[in-house]
Amino acid sequence: MMAGNNRRSVFRRRQAGVTDYRRRLKLLRGRMPRAVVRVSNTRTTCQLVSWAADGDLVSVNVTGSDLVKKYGWPEGRSLKSVPASYLVGYAMGKAAVASGATEAVLDIGLAANSRGGRVYAALKGMCDAGLDIPHSEDVYPDEDRLNGTHIDDKIAKDIESTKTKIEGAN
């Protein structure tokens, strides 16, 4: 802050519109790991993140690309659709439970908080995998959207085979 200037200094990430520090502080005060969900232009990413003084520690990281590389998701399918987001959340939840985590709190960042969206599809995947995350049941997408019938009738087989491979990997 410059001398004589009465304006508050603004954190760089707040000024760039990347971090809401007020929301972040509320999440960190709970001292539980955060189940972070981010949806980019190309893929969904889910992480289990813990706080540390020198920076956040990511203990589990699963992206839409991992669905193709590790779990046999068809190459031409979307990596950020509702079914793909569900599977990414499911894979992250299984890996988190395998690493000893039992509970977390959802961190959606600056994403829009809209019921039935991709963020909540990932939340459903994490909860179905056994991770305990506080939430309301009515935020989940419809089963038809999770199964992909709104996209293509053949996608349900791809979802089941991918889910089976995720269970076998953990």
N, C-alpha and C. Protein backbone atom coordinates (compact mmCIF):
# COMPACT_ATOMS: atom_id res chain seq x y z
N MET A 1 0.84 -1.16 0.00
CA MET A 1 0.00 0.00 0.00
C MET A 1 0.90 1.24 0.00
N MET A 2 0.55 2.18 -0.83
CA MET A 2 1.35 3.40 -0.95
C MET A 2 0.98 4.39 0.15
N ALA A 3 1.96 5.23 0.52
CA ALA A 3 1.71 6.24 1.56
C ALA A 3 0.69 7.25 1.06
N GLY A 4 -0.26 7.59 1.90
CA GLY A 4 -1.27 8.57 1.53
C GLY A 4 -2.44 7.98 0.76
N ASN A 5 -2.35 6.72 0.39
CA ASN A 5 -3.43 6.06 -0.35
C ASN A 5 -4.33 5.33 0.65
N ASN A 6 -5.60 5.64 0.69
CA ASN A 6 -6.50 5.05 1.66
C ASN A 6 -7.16 3.77 1.18
N ARG A 7 -6.87 3.35 -0.03
CA ARG A 7 -7.48 2.13 -0.56
C ARG A 7 -6.83 0.89 0.04
N ARG A 8 -7.64 -0.15 0.24
CA ARG A 8 -7.11 -1.41 0.73
C ARG A 8 -6.38 -2.12 -0.39
N SER A 9 -5.32 -2.82 -0.04
CA SER A 9 -4.65 -3.62 -1.05
C SER A 9 -5.49 -4.86 -1.32
N VAL A 10 -5.50 -5.29 -2.55
CA VAL A 10 -6.31 -6.43 -2.96
C VAL A 10 -5.38 -7.57 -3.35
N PHE A 11 -5.67 -8.77 -2.84
CA PHE A 11 -4.86 -9.92 -3.21
C PHE A 11 -4.93 -10.14 -4.71
N ARG A 12 -3.83 -10.57 -5.30
CA ARG A 12 -3.75 -10.76 -6.74
C ARG A 12 -4.79 -11.75 -7.24
N ARG A 13 -4.98 -12.88 -6.56
CA ARG A 13 -5.94 -13.90 -7.01
C ARG A 13 -7.38 -13.41 -6.88
N ARG A 14 -7.66 -12.53 -5.93
CA ARG A 14 -9.00 -11.94 -5.80
C ARG A 14 -9.24 -10.95 -6.94
N GLN A 15 -8.21 -10.16 -7.24
CA GLN A 15 -8.32 -9.16 -8.29
C GLN A 15 -8.50 -9.83 -9.65
N ALA A 16 -7.87 -10.98 -9.85
CA ALA A 16 -8.00 -11.71 -11.10
C ALA A 16 -9.31 -12.51 -11.16
N GLY A 17 -10.06 -12.54 -10.06
CA GLY A 17 -11.33 -13.27 -10.05
C GLY A 17 -11.16 -14.77 -9.95
N VAL A 18 -10.07 -15.22 -9.32
CA VAL A 18 -9.76 -16.64 -9.23
C VAL A 18 -10.11 -17.22 -7.86
N THR A 19 -9.97 -16.42 -6.79
CA THR A 19 -10.18 -16.93 -5.44
C THR A 19 -11.10 -16.01 -4.65
N ASP A 20 -12.08 -16.62 -3.99
CA ASP A 20 -12.93 -15.91 -3.05
C ASP A 20 -12.38 -16.23 -1.67
N TYR A 21 -11.57 -15.34 -1.11
CA TYR A 21 -10.87 -15.62 0.14
C TYR A 21 -11.82 -15.76 1.32
N ARG A 22 -12.95 -15.08 1.31
CA ARG A 22 -13.91 -15.20 2.40
C ARG A 22 -14.47 -16.62 2.44
N ARG A 23 -14.84 -17.16 1.28
CA ARG A 23 -15.36 -18.54 1.21
C ARG A 23 -14.27 -19.54 1.55
N ARG A 24 -13.05 -19.29 1.06
CA ARG A 24 -11.94 -20.20 1.34
C ARG A 24 -11.65 -20.27 2.83
N LEU A 25 -11.68 -19.13 3.51
CA LEU A 25 -11.41 -19.12 4.95
C LEU A 25 -12.46 -19.91 5.71
N LYS A 26 -13.72 -19.80 5.30
CA LYS A 26 -14.78 -20.58 5.95
C LYS A 26 -14.54 -22.08 5.79
N LEU A 27 -14.11 -22.49 4.60
CA LEU A 27 -13.84 -23.91 4.36
C LEU A 27 -12.64 -24.39 5.18
N LEU A 28 -11.63 -23.55 5.31
CA LEU A 28 -10.42 -23.95 6.02
C LEU A 28 -10.64 -24.02 7.53
N ARG A 29 -11.52 -23.20 8.05
CA ARG A 29 -11.78 -23.19 9.50
C ARG A 29 -12.35 -24.51 10.00
N GLY A 30 -13.01 -25.26 9.13
CA GLY A 30 -13.57 -26.54 9.52
C GLY A 30 -12.52 -27.62 9.75
N ARG A 31 -11.30 -27.39 9.28
CA ARG A 31 -10.18 -28.32 9.46
C ARG A 31 -10.43 -29.71 8.88
N MET A 32 -11.33 -29.80 7.93
CA MET A 32 -11.56 -31.07 7.22
C MET A 32 -10.93 -30.95 5.84
N PRO A 33 -10.53 -32.08 5.26
CA PRO A 33 -10.04 -32.01 3.88
C PRO A 33 -11.14 -31.49 2.96
N ARG A 34 -10.74 -30.84 1.87
CA ARG A 34 -11.70 -30.31 0.91
C ARG A 34 -11.77 -31.22 -0.30
N ALA A 35 -12.97 -31.52 -0.72
CA ALA A 35 -13.19 -32.24 -1.98
C ALA A 35 -13.40 -31.16 -3.03
N VAL A 36 -12.35 -30.86 -3.78
CA VAL A 36 -12.36 -29.76 -4.73
C VAL A 36 -12.84 -30.26 -6.09
N VAL A 37 -13.82 -29.56 -6.67
CA VAL A 37 -14.33 -29.91 -8.00
C VAL A 37 -14.19 -28.68 -8.89
N ARG A 38 -13.53 -28.85 -10.02
CA ARG A 38 -13.38 -27.79 -11.00
C ARG A 38 -13.75 -28.35 -12.37
N VAL A 39 -14.55 -27.60 -13.12
CA VAL A 39 -14.92 -27.98 -14.47
C VAL A 39 -14.34 -26.93 -15.41
N SER A 40 -13.43 -27.36 -16.28
CA SER A 40 -12.80 -26.44 -17.23
C SER A 40 -13.50 -26.56 -18.58
N ASN A 41 -12.93 -25.96 -19.59
CA ASN A 41 -13.51 -26.05 -20.93
C ASN A 41 -13.37 -27.44 -21.52
N THR A 42 -12.46 -28.25 -21.01
CA THR A 42 -12.20 -29.55 -21.62
C THR A 42 -12.45 -30.74 -20.71
N ARG A 43 -12.34 -30.56 -19.39
CA ARG A 43 -12.45 -31.72 -18.49
C ARG A 43 -12.88 -31.31 -17.10
N THR A 44 -13.27 -32.33 -16.34
CA THR A 44 -13.60 -32.16 -14.92
C THR A 44 -12.40 -32.64 -14.10
N THR A 45 -12.09 -31.93 -13.04
CA THR A 45 -11.00 -32.31 -12.14
C THR A 45 -11.54 -32.38 -10.72
N CYS A 46 -11.21 -33.45 -10.02
CA CYS A 46 -11.58 -33.62 -8.61
C CYS A 46 -10.31 -33.89 -7.81
N GLN A 47 -10.19 -33.23 -6.67
CA GLN A 47 -9.02 -33.38 -5.83
C GLN A 47 -9.44 -33.45 -4.37
N LEU A 48 -8.66 -34.16 -3.59
CA LEU A 48 -8.79 -34.13 -2.13
C LEU A 48 -7.62 -33.31 -1.62
N VAL A 49 -7.93 -32.16 -1.01
CA VAL A 49 -6.91 -31.18 -0.65
C VAL A 49 -6.97 -30.89 0.84
N SER A 50 -5.79 -30.87 1.47
CA SER A 50 -5.66 -30.50 2.88
C SER A 50 -4.84 -29.23 2.97
N TRP A 51 -5.07 -28.47 4.04
CA TRP A 51 -4.35 -27.23 4.23
C TRP A 51 -3.01 -27.49 4.90
N ALA A 52 -2.00 -26.73 4.49
CA ALA A 52 -0.71 -26.72 5.17
C ALA A 52 -0.20 -25.28 5.14
N ALA A 53 0.65 -24.93 6.09
CA ALA A 53 1.13 -23.55 6.21
C ALA A 53 1.88 -23.10 4.97
N ASP A 54 2.60 -24.00 4.33
CA ASP A 54 3.38 -23.62 3.15
C ASP A 54 2.63 -23.86 1.85
N GLY A 55 1.34 -24.19 1.91
CA GLY A 55 0.54 -24.37 0.70
C GLY A 55 -0.35 -25.59 0.83
N ASP A 56 -1.39 -25.62 0.03
CA ASP A 56 -2.32 -26.74 0.05
C ASP A 56 -1.65 -28.03 -0.38
N LEU A 57 -2.04 -29.15 0.25
CA LEU A 57 -1.50 -30.46 -0.09
C LEU A 57 -2.57 -31.27 -0.81
N VAL A 58 -2.30 -31.64 -2.05
CA VAL A 58 -3.23 -32.45 -2.83
C VAL A 58 -2.86 -33.91 -2.61
N SER A 59 -3.76 -34.67 -1.96
CA SER A 59 -3.46 -36.07 -1.68
C SER A 59 -4.02 -36.98 -2.77
N VAL A 60 -5.12 -36.60 -3.41
CA VAL A 60 -5.71 -37.39 -4.49
C VAL A 60 -6.11 -36.44 -5.60
N ASN A 61 -5.78 -36.80 -6.84
CA ASN A 61 -6.11 -35.98 -7.99
C ASN A 61 -6.59 -36.87 -9.13
N VAL A 62 -7.80 -36.63 -9.63
CA VAL A 62 -8.34 -37.38 -10.76
C VAL A 62 -8.94 -36.39 -11.74
N THR A 63 -8.61 -36.53 -13.02
CA THR A 63 -9.16 -35.66 -14.05
C THR A 63 -9.92 -36.49 -15.08
N GLY A 64 -10.62 -35.80 -15.95
CA GLY A 64 -11.33 -36.48 -17.03
C GLY A 64 -10.37 -37.24 -17.93
N SER A 65 -9.15 -36.76 -18.08
CA SER A 65 -8.16 -37.46 -18.90
C SER A 65 -7.81 -38.82 -18.30
N ASP A 66 -7.83 -38.93 -16.97
CA ASP A 66 -7.55 -40.20 -16.31
C ASP A 66 -8.61 -41.25 -16.66
N LEU A 67 -9.85 -40.80 -16.93
CA LEU A 67 -10.90 -41.75 -17.32
C LEU A 67 -10.48 -42.49 -18.58
N VAL A 68 -9.91 -41.76 -19.54
CA VAL A 68 -9.49 -42.38 -20.79
C VAL A 68 -8.23 -43.22 -20.57
N LYS A 69 -7.23 -42.66 -19.90
CA LYS A 69 -5.93 -43.31 -19.75
C LYS A 69 -5.99 -44.55 -18.85
N LYS A 70 -6.68 -44.46 -17.71
CA LYS A 70 -6.64 -45.52 -16.72
C LYS A 70 -7.87 -46.43 -16.71
N TYR A 71 -9.03 -45.88 -17.05
CA TYR A 71 -10.27 -46.62 -16.80
C TYR A 71 -11.06 -46.98 -18.05
N GLY A 72 -10.53 -46.72 -19.22
CA GLY A 72 -11.16 -47.20 -20.44
C GLY A 72 -12.36 -46.41 -20.94
N TRP A 73 -12.50 -45.16 -20.52
CA TRP A 73 -13.58 -44.30 -21.04
C TRP A 73 -13.31 -44.09 -22.53
N PRO A 74 -14.32 -44.22 -23.40
CA PRO A 74 -14.10 -44.08 -24.84
C PRO A 74 -13.46 -42.73 -25.20
N GLU A 75 -12.49 -42.78 -26.09
CA GLU A 75 -11.68 -41.61 -26.42
C GLU A 75 -12.49 -40.44 -26.99
N GLY A 76 -13.52 -40.71 -27.75
CA GLY A 76 -14.27 -39.64 -28.37
C GLY A 76 -15.31 -38.98 -27.47
N ARG A 77 -15.56 -39.55 -26.31
CA ARG A 77 -16.58 -39.02 -25.41
C ARG A 77 -16.08 -37.78 -24.65
N SER A 78 -17.02 -36.97 -24.21
CA SER A 78 -16.70 -35.75 -23.47
C SER A 78 -16.08 -36.10 -22.12
N LEU A 79 -15.13 -35.28 -21.70
CA LEU A 79 -14.47 -35.46 -20.41
C LEU A 79 -15.03 -34.52 -19.36
N LYS A 80 -16.09 -33.77 -19.72
CA LYS A 80 -16.69 -32.84 -18.77
C LYS A 80 -18.21 -32.93 -18.73
N SER A 81 -18.79 -33.91 -19.37
CA SER A 81 -20.24 -34.09 -19.36
C SER A 81 -20.69 -34.52 -17.96
N VAL A 82 -21.99 -34.56 -17.74
CA VAL A 82 -22.52 -34.99 -16.45
C VAL A 82 -22.08 -36.42 -16.12
N PRO A 83 -22.20 -37.39 -17.05
CA PRO A 83 -21.72 -38.74 -16.72
C PRO A 83 -20.22 -38.79 -16.47
N ALA A 84 -19.43 -38.06 -17.25
CA ALA A 84 -17.98 -38.05 -17.04
C ALA A 84 -17.64 -37.42 -15.70
N SER A 85 -18.34 -36.36 -15.33
CA SER A 85 -18.10 -35.72 -14.04
C SER A 85 -18.44 -36.68 -12.89
N TYR A 86 -19.53 -37.42 -13.05
CA TYR A 86 -19.89 -38.42 -12.04
C TYR A 86 -18.77 -39.45 -11.89
N LEU A 87 -18.25 -39.94 -13.01
CA LEU A 87 -17.20 -40.96 -12.97
C LEU A 87 -15.90 -40.42 -12.40
N VAL A 88 -15.55 -39.17 -12.71
CA VAL A 88 -14.35 -38.56 -12.14
C VAL A 88 -14.51 -38.45 -10.62
N GLY A 89 -15.68 -38.01 -10.16
CA GLY A 89 -15.94 -37.94 -8.73
C GLY A 89 -15.90 -39.31 -8.08
N TYR A 90 -16.44 -40.31 -8.78
CA TYR A 90 -16.45 -41.68 -8.26
C TYR A 90 -15.02 -42.20 -8.11
N ALA A 91 -14.19 -41.97 -9.14
CA ALA A 91 -12.80 -42.43 -9.10
C ALA A 91 -12.03 -41.71 -7.99
N MET A 92 -12.26 -40.40 -7.82
CA MET A 92 -11.58 -39.67 -6.77
C MET A 92 -12.04 -40.15 -5.40
N GLY A 93 -13.33 -40.41 -5.26
CA GLY A 93 -13.86 -40.91 -3.99
C GLY A 93 -13.28 -42.26 -3.62
N LYS A 94 -13.20 -43.17 -4.59
CA LYS A 94 -12.62 -44.50 -4.33
C LYS A 94 -11.15 -44.38 -3.93
N ALA A 95 -10.39 -43.52 -4.64
CA ALA A 95 -8.97 -43.34 -4.32
C ALA A 95 -8.81 -42.68 -2.94
N ALA A 96 -9.69 -41.75 -2.60
CA ALA A 96 -9.61 -41.09 -1.30
C ALA A 96 -9.91 -42.07 -0.17
N VAL A 97 -10.93 -42.90 -0.35
CA VAL A 97 -11.27 -43.90 0.66
C VAL A 97 -10.13 -44.91 0.80
N ALA A 98 -9.51 -45.29 -0.32
CA ALA A 98 -8.39 -46.23 -0.28
C ALA A 98 -7.19 -45.63 0.43
N SER A 99 -7.05 -44.30 0.38
CA SER A 99 -5.92 -43.65 1.06
C SER A 99 -6.20 -43.34 2.52
N GLY A 100 -7.40 -43.69 3.00
CA GLY A 100 -7.72 -43.52 4.41
C GLY A 100 -8.64 -42.36 4.74
N ALA A 101 -9.03 -41.58 3.76
CA ALA A 101 -9.93 -40.46 4.02
C ALA A 101 -11.36 -40.98 4.14
N THR A 102 -12.11 -40.43 5.07
CA THR A 102 -13.49 -40.85 5.25
C THR A 102 -14.48 -39.72 5.03
N GLU A 103 -14.03 -38.47 5.28
CA GLU A 103 -14.94 -37.35 5.15
C GLU A 103 -14.21 -36.15 4.55
N ALA A 104 -15.01 -35.26 3.99
CA ALA A 104 -14.48 -34.04 3.37
C ALA A 104 -15.61 -33.02 3.30
N VAL A 105 -15.27 -31.83 2.89
CA VAL A 105 -16.27 -30.79 2.65
C VAL A 105 -16.11 -30.35 1.20
N LEU A 106 -17.23 -30.10 0.52
CA LEU A 106 -17.21 -29.76 -0.90
C LEU A 106 -16.73 -28.34 -1.12
N ASP A 107 -15.79 -28.18 -2.06
CA ASP A 107 -15.27 -26.88 -2.45
C ASP A 107 -15.50 -26.73 -3.95
N ILE A 108 -16.45 -25.86 -4.32
CA ILE A 108 -16.75 -25.67 -5.74
C ILE A 108 -16.10 -24.42 -6.30
N GLY A 109 -15.36 -23.70 -5.47
CA GLY A 109 -14.66 -22.51 -5.94
C GLY A 109 -15.64 -21.44 -6.38
N LEU A 110 -15.38 -20.84 -7.52
CA LEU A 110 -16.23 -19.78 -8.03
C LEU A 110 -17.27 -20.30 -9.02
N ALA A 111 -17.43 -21.62 -9.10
CA ALA A 111 -18.39 -22.20 -10.04
C ALA A 111 -19.82 -21.82 -9.65
N ALA A 112 -20.68 -21.80 -10.64
CA ALA A 112 -22.09 -21.50 -10.37
C ALA A 112 -22.70 -22.63 -9.55
N ASN A 113 -23.49 -22.26 -8.58
CA ASN A 113 -24.11 -23.23 -7.69
C ASN A 113 -25.49 -23.58 -8.24
N SER A 114 -25.53 -24.42 -9.28
CA SER A 114 -26.81 -24.77 -9.90
C SER A 114 -27.10 -26.25 -9.70
N ARG A 115 -28.30 -26.53 -9.20
CA ARG A 115 -28.71 -27.90 -8.92
C ARG A 115 -28.66 -28.74 -10.19
N GLY A 116 -28.22 -29.99 -10.02
CA GLY A 116 -28.20 -30.91 -11.14
C GLY A 116 -27.07 -30.68 -12.11
N GLY A 117 -26.12 -29.84 -11.78
CA GLY A 117 -25.00 -29.54 -12.68
C GLY A 117 -23.88 -30.55 -12.56
N ARG A 118 -22.81 -30.29 -13.31
CA ARG A 118 -21.67 -31.21 -13.35
C ARG A 118 -20.95 -31.27 -12.01
N VAL A 119 -20.92 -30.16 -11.28
CA VAL A 119 -20.27 -30.15 -9.97
C VAL A 119 -20.97 -31.13 -9.04
N TYR A 120 -22.29 -31.12 -9.08
CA TYR A 120 -23.05 -32.01 -8.19
C TYR A 120 -23.09 -33.45 -8.70
N ALA A 121 -22.85 -33.64 -10.00
CA ALA A 121 -22.67 -35.00 -10.50
C ALA A 121 -21.39 -35.59 -9.92
N ALA A 122 -20.33 -34.78 -9.86
CA ALA A 122 -19.08 -35.24 -9.25
C ALA A 122 -19.27 -35.51 -7.76
N LEU A 123 -20.05 -34.66 -7.09
CA LEU A 123 -20.36 -34.88 -5.67
C LEU A 123 -21.06 -36.21 -5.47
N LYS A 124 -22.03 -36.52 -6.31
CA LYS A 124 -22.75 -37.80 -6.21
C LYS A 124 -21.78 -38.96 -6.39
N GLY A 125 -20.84 -38.84 -7.34
CA GLY A 125 -19.84 -39.89 -7.53
C GLY A 125 -18.98 -40.09 -6.30
N MET A 126 -18.56 -39.00 -5.67
CA MET A 126 -17.74 -39.11 -4.46
C MET A 126 -18.53 -39.77 -3.33
N CYS A 127 -19.78 -39.38 -3.17
CA CYS A 127 -20.61 -39.96 -2.11
C CYS A 127 -20.90 -41.43 -2.38
N ASP A 128 -21.17 -41.79 -3.64
CA ASP A 128 -21.40 -43.19 -3.99
C ASP A 128 -20.16 -44.04 -3.75
N ALA A 129 -18.99 -43.42 -3.83
CA ALA A 129 -17.74 -44.14 -3.60
C ALA A 129 -17.45 -44.35 -2.12
N GLY A 130 -18.21 -43.68 -1.25
CA GLY A 130 -18.03 -43.90 0.18
C GLY A 130 -17.47 -42.73 0.96
N LEU A 131 -17.26 -41.61 0.31
CA LEU A 131 -16.76 -40.43 0.99
C LEU A 131 -17.94 -39.71 1.64
N ASP A 132 -17.80 -39.31 2.89
CA ASP A 132 -18.86 -38.63 3.62
C ASP A 132 -18.70 -37.13 3.45
N ILE A 133 -19.59 -36.51 2.65
CA ILE A 133 -19.56 -35.08 2.36
C ILE A 133 -20.93 -34.50 2.70
N PRO A 134 -21.01 -33.51 3.59
CA PRO A 134 -22.31 -32.94 3.93
C PRO A 134 -22.95 -32.26 2.72
N HIS A 135 -24.21 -32.57 2.46
CA HIS A 135 -24.93 -31.99 1.32
C HIS A 135 -26.41 -32.30 1.44
N SER A 136 -27.18 -31.72 0.55
CA SER A 136 -28.60 -32.00 0.45
C SER A 136 -28.83 -32.91 -0.76
N GLU A 137 -29.68 -33.91 -0.61
CA GLU A 137 -29.90 -34.88 -1.68
C GLU A 137 -30.52 -34.26 -2.93
N ASP A 138 -31.22 -33.14 -2.79
CA ASP A 138 -31.93 -32.60 -3.95
C ASP A 138 -31.04 -31.81 -4.91
N VAL A 139 -29.73 -31.75 -4.65
CA VAL A 139 -28.83 -31.06 -5.58
C VAL A 139 -28.34 -31.99 -6.69
N TYR A 140 -28.53 -33.28 -6.53
CA TYR A 140 -28.04 -34.25 -7.52
C TYR A 140 -28.77 -34.12 -8.86
N PRO A 141 -28.08 -34.44 -9.94
CA PRO A 141 -28.75 -34.52 -11.24
C PRO A 141 -29.68 -35.74 -11.28
N ASP A 142 -30.63 -35.74 -12.21
CA ASP A 142 -31.53 -36.89 -12.40
C ASP A 142 -30.71 -38.11 -12.80
N GLU A 143 -31.25 -39.30 -12.48
CA GLU A 143 -30.56 -40.55 -12.84
C GLU A 143 -30.38 -40.66 -14.36
N ASP A 144 -31.35 -40.17 -15.14
CA ASP A 144 -31.22 -40.22 -16.60
C ASP A 144 -30.01 -39.43 -17.06
N ARG A 145 -29.75 -38.29 -16.44
CA ARG A 145 -28.59 -37.49 -16.81
C ARG A 145 -27.29 -38.15 -16.35
N LEU A 146 -27.31 -38.75 -15.16
CA LEU A 146 -26.11 -39.44 -14.68
C LEU A 146 -25.78 -40.64 -15.56
N ASN A 147 -26.81 -41.33 -16.05
CA ASN A 147 -26.60 -42.49 -16.91
C ASN A 147 -26.34 -42.11 -18.35
N GLY A 148 -26.49 -40.84 -18.68
CA GLY A 148 -26.17 -40.38 -20.03
C GLY A 148 -27.25 -40.61 -21.06
N THR A 149 -28.46 -40.99 -20.64
CA THR A 149 -29.51 -41.23 -21.64
C THR A 149 -29.94 -39.95 -22.33
N HIS A 150 -29.63 -38.78 -21.75
CA HIS A 150 -29.93 -37.52 -22.42
C HIS A 150 -28.93 -37.24 -23.54
N ILE A 151 -27.81 -37.97 -23.55
CA ILE A 151 -26.79 -37.79 -24.59
C ILE A 151 -26.94 -38.86 -25.67
N ASP A 152 -26.91 -40.13 -25.22
CA ASP A 152 -26.90 -41.25 -26.16
C ASP A 152 -27.33 -42.49 -25.39
N ASP A 153 -28.09 -43.36 -26.04
CA ASP A 153 -28.55 -44.57 -25.36
C ASP A 153 -27.40 -45.56 -25.11
N LYS A 154 -26.35 -45.51 -25.91
CA LYS A 154 -25.24 -46.46 -25.78
C LYS A 154 -24.26 -46.09 -24.67
N ILE A 155 -24.36 -44.89 -24.15
CA ILE A 155 -23.38 -44.44 -23.16
C ILE A 155 -23.51 -45.17 -21.83
N ALA A 156 -24.69 -45.72 -21.52
CA ALA A 156 -24.89 -46.42 -20.25
C ALA A 156 -23.93 -47.60 -20.12
N LYS A 157 -23.66 -48.31 -21.21
CA LYS A 157 -22.70 -49.44 -21.17
C LYS A 157 -21.30 -48.93 -20.87
N ASP A 158 -20.93 -47.80 -21.48
CA ASP A 158 -19.60 -47.22 -21.24
C ASP A 158 -19.45 -46.80 -19.78
N ILE A 159 -20.52 -46.26 -19.22
CA ILE A 159 -20.47 -45.82 -17.82
C ILE A 159 -20.29 -47.02 -16.91
N GLU A 160 -21.05 -48.08 -17.14
CA GLU A 160 -20.95 -49.27 -16.29
C GLU A 160 -19.57 -49.93 -16.39
N SER A 161 -19.03 -50.04 -17.60
CA SER A 161 -17.72 -50.68 -17.76
C SER A 161 -16.63 -49.83 -17.12
N THR A 162 -16.72 -48.51 -17.25
CA THR A 162 -15.74 -47.62 -16.63
C THR A 162 -15.83 -47.69 -15.11
N LYS A 163 -17.05 -47.73 -14.60
CA LYS A 163 -17.26 -47.80 -13.14
C LYS A 163 -16.70 -49.12 -12.58
N THR A 164 -16.87 -50.20 -13.34
CA THR A 164 -16.32 -51.49 -12.92
C THR A 164 -14.81 -51.46 -12.87
N LYS A 165 -14.17 -50.80 -13.87
CA LYS A 165 -12.72 -50.70 -13.88
C LYS A 165 -12.21 -49.81 -12.74
N ILE A 166 -12.98 -48.79 -12.39
CA ILE A 166 -12.59 -47.94 -11.26
C ILE A 166 -12.62 -48.74 -9.96
N GLU A 167 -13.67 -49.55 -9.78
CA GLU A 167 -13.77 -50.37 -8.58
C GLU A 167 -12.65 -51.40 -8.52
N GLY A 168 -12.26 -51.95 -9.66
CA GLY A 168 -11.18 -52.93 -9.69
C GLY A 168 -9.82 -52.32 -9.43
N ALA A 169 -9.66 -51.04 -9.76
CA ALA A 169 -8.37 -50.38 -9.58
C ALA A 169 -8.12 -50.01 -8.12
N ASN A 170 -9.19 -49.84 -7.36
CA ASN A 170 -8.99 -49.40 -5.96
C ASN A 170 -9.27 -50.52 -5.03
